[in-house]
Amino acid sequence: MDKLKLAEIIGQRLRLLRISKGLSQSELASKIKSQQRDISNWEKGKRLISTEYLFNVCLMFGVGVDFFDPTKDDVNLQLAAQITE
């Protein structure tokens, strides 16, 4: 899988988490000590999130790094369904 496709998948899952908690991009950025433009770039798949920020996102939302692993779609779809309920 190329880096751009990976960034796109991770971005989609990040957006899902953020919206499920009712947070704006600015609010999420503030909570993980980033900037709104970074969140936007990650969600659009323009940039790949760093491991430091990914770790902070996982802690904040209570998900494992596996949630962002594109090779584990079945598990992630189940988690996504639980998050949005």
C-alpha atoms as a PDB file:
ATOM      1  CA  MET A   1       0.000   0.000   0.000  1.00  0.00           C
ATOM      2  CA  ASP A   2       1.390   3.371  -0.904  1.00  0.00           C
ATOM      3  CA  LYS A   3       1.811   6.202   1.561  1.00  0.00           C
ATOM      4  CA  LEU A   4      -0.967   8.367   0.073  1.00  0.00           C
ATOM      5  CA  LYS A   5      -3.554   5.584   0.295  1.00  0.00           C
ATOM      6  CA  LEU A   6      -2.511   4.887   3.882  1.00  0.00           C
ATOM      7  CA  ALA A   7      -2.826   8.584   4.744  1.00  0.00           C
ATOM      8  CA  GLU A   8      -6.316   8.635   3.195  1.00  0.00           C
ATOM      9  CA  ILE A   9      -7.530   5.615   5.186  1.00  0.00           C
ATOM     10  CA  ILE A  10      -6.106   6.898   8.456  1.00  0.00           C
ATOM     11  CA  GLY A  11      -7.632  10.312   7.758  1.00  0.00           C
ATOM     12  CA  GLN A  12     -11.086   8.824   7.185  1.00  0.00           C
ATOM     13  CA  ARG A  13     -10.906   6.944  10.468  1.00  0.00           C
ATOM     14  CA  LEU A  14      -9.660   9.989  12.328  1.00  0.00           C
ATOM     15  CA  ARG A  15     -12.591  11.999  10.976  1.00  0.00           C
ATOM     16  CA  LEU A  16     -15.007   9.259  12.046  1.00  0.00           C
ATOM     17  CA  LEU A  17     -13.668   9.351  15.601  1.00  0.00           C
ATOM     18  CA  ARG A  18     -13.690  13.141  15.790  1.00  0.00           C
ATOM     19  CA  ILE A  19     -17.239  13.499  14.502  1.00  0.00           C
ATOM     20  CA  SER A  20     -18.520  10.673  16.705  1.00  0.00           C
ATOM     21  CA  LYS A  21     -17.393  12.675  19.740  1.00  0.00           C
ATOM     22  CA  GLY A  22     -18.865  15.914  18.414  1.00  0.00           C
ATOM     23  CA  LEU A  23     -15.534  17.693  18.163  1.00  0.00           C
ATOM     24  CA  SER A  24     -14.513  20.298  15.627  1.00  0.00           C
ATOM     25  CA  GLN A  25     -11.103  20.089  14.021  1.00  0.00           C
ATOM     26  CA  SER A  26      -9.985  23.022  16.179  1.00  0.00           C
ATOM     27  CA  GLU A  27     -11.165  21.337  19.376  1.00  0.00           C
ATOM     28  CA  LEU A  28      -9.355  18.120  18.523  1.00  0.00           C
ATOM     29  CA  ALA A  29      -6.217  20.039  17.622  1.00  0.00           C
ATOM     30  CA  SER A  30      -6.291  21.820  20.969  1.00  0.00           C
ATOM     31  CA  LYS A  31      -6.705  18.552  22.869  1.00  0.00           C
ATOM     32  CA  ILE A  32      -3.736  16.861  21.188  1.00  0.00           C
ATOM     33  CA  LYS A  33      -1.633  20.027  21.061  1.00  0.00           C
ATOM     34  CA  SER A  34      -1.654  20.335  17.300  1.00  0.00           C
ATOM     35  CA  GLN A  35      -3.168  22.825  14.868  1.00  0.00           C
ATOM     36  CA  GLN A  36      -6.464  22.794  12.989  1.00  0.00           C
ATOM     37  CA  ARG A  37      -4.702  22.764   9.607  1.00  0.00           C
ATOM     38  CA  ASP A  38      -2.866  19.577  10.638  1.00  0.00           C
ATOM     39  CA  ILE A  39      -6.165  17.860  11.460  1.00  0.00           C
ATOM     40  CA  SER A  40      -7.576  19.005   8.126  1.00  0.00           C
ATOM     41  CA  ASN A  41      -4.548  17.719   6.204  1.00  0.00           C
ATOM     42  CA  TRP A  42      -4.651  14.368   8.006  1.00  0.00           C
ATOM     43  CA  GLU A  43      -8.385  13.910   7.450  1.00  0.00           C
ATOM     44  CA  LYS A  44      -8.065  14.753   3.756  1.00  0.00           C
ATOM     45  CA  GLY A  45      -5.165  12.327   3.382  1.00  0.00           C
ATOM     46  CA  LYS A  46      -2.809  15.107   2.325  1.00  0.00           C
ATOM     47  CA  ARG A  47      -0.330  14.277   5.080  1.00  0.00           C
ATOM     48  CA  LEU A  48       0.323  11.190   7.153  1.00  0.00           C
ATOM     49  CA  ILE A  49      -0.171  11.701  10.886  1.00  0.00           C
ATOM     50  CA  SER A  50       3.004  11.253  12.946  1.00  0.00           C
ATOM     51  CA  THR A  51       3.238   8.418  15.458  1.00  0.00           C
ATOM     52  CA  GLU A  52       3.288  10.933  18.314  1.00  0.00           C
ATOM     53  CA  TYR A  53      -0.030  12.460  17.328  1.00  0.00           C
ATOM     54  CA  LEU A  54      -1.517   9.092  16.399  1.00  0.00           C
ATOM     55  CA  PHE A  55      -0.666   7.812  19.873  1.00  0.00           C
ATOM     56  CA  ASN A  56      -2.323  10.888  21.452  1.00  0.00           C
ATOM     57  CA  VAL A  57      -5.440  10.383  19.329  1.00  0.00           C
ATOM     58  CA  CYS A  58      -5.646   6.725  20.371  1.00  0.00           C
ATOM     59  CA  LEU A  59      -5.367   7.639  24.039  1.00  0.00           C
ATOM     60  CA  MET A  60      -7.930  10.396  23.744  1.00  0.00           C
ATOM     61  CA  PHE A  61     -10.537   8.262  21.961  1.00  0.00           C
ATOM     62  CA  GLY A  62      -9.793   5.012  23.764  1.00  0.00           C
ATOM     63  CA  VAL A  63      -8.929   3.022  20.656  1.00  0.00           C
ATOM     64  CA  GLY A  64      -5.883   0.961  19.818  1.00  0.00           C
ATOM     65  CA  VAL A  65      -3.528   1.702  16.968  1.00  0.00           C
ATOM     66  CA  ASP A  66      -5.152  -1.275  15.230  1.00  0.00           C
ATOM     67  CA  PHE A  67      -8.185   0.927  14.611  1.00  0.00           C
ATOM     68  CA  PHE A  68      -6.091   2.765  12.018  1.00  0.00           C
ATOM     69  CA  ASP A  69      -4.570  -0.392  10.479  1.00  0.00           C
ATOM     70  CA  PRO A  70      -6.025  -0.767   6.966  1.00  0.00           C
ATOM     71  CA  THR A  71      -5.301  -4.505   6.923  1.00  0.00           C
ATOM     72  CA  LYS A  72      -7.821  -5.043   9.723  1.00  0.00           C
ATOM     73  CA  ASP A  73     -10.948  -3.727   8.034  1.00  0.00           C
ATOM     74  CA  ASP A  74     -13.372  -6.224   9.617  1.00  0.00           C
ATOM     75  CA  VAL A  75     -12.348  -5.290  13.146  1.00  0.00           C
ATOM     76  CA  ASN A  76     -12.348  -1.606  12.309  1.00  0.00           C
ATOM     77  CA  LEU A  77     -15.793  -1.692  10.758  1.00  0.00           C
ATOM     78  CA  GLN A  78     -17.152  -3.282  13.917  1.00  0.00           C
ATOM     79  CA  LEU A  79     -15.416  -0.646  16.056  1.00  0.00           C
ATOM     80  CA  ALA A  80     -16.707   2.128  13.820  1.00  0.00           C
ATOM     81  CA  ALA A  81     -20.256   0.821  14.217  1.00  0.00           C
ATOM     82  CA  GLN A  82     -19.881   0.833  18.004  1.00  0.00           C
ATOM     83  CA  ILE A  83     -18.429   4.338  18.035  1.00  0.00           C
ATOM     84  CA  THR A  84     -21.235   5.853  15.984  1.00  0.00           C
ATOM     85  CA  GLU A  85     -24.058   4.226  17.972  1.00  0.00           C
END
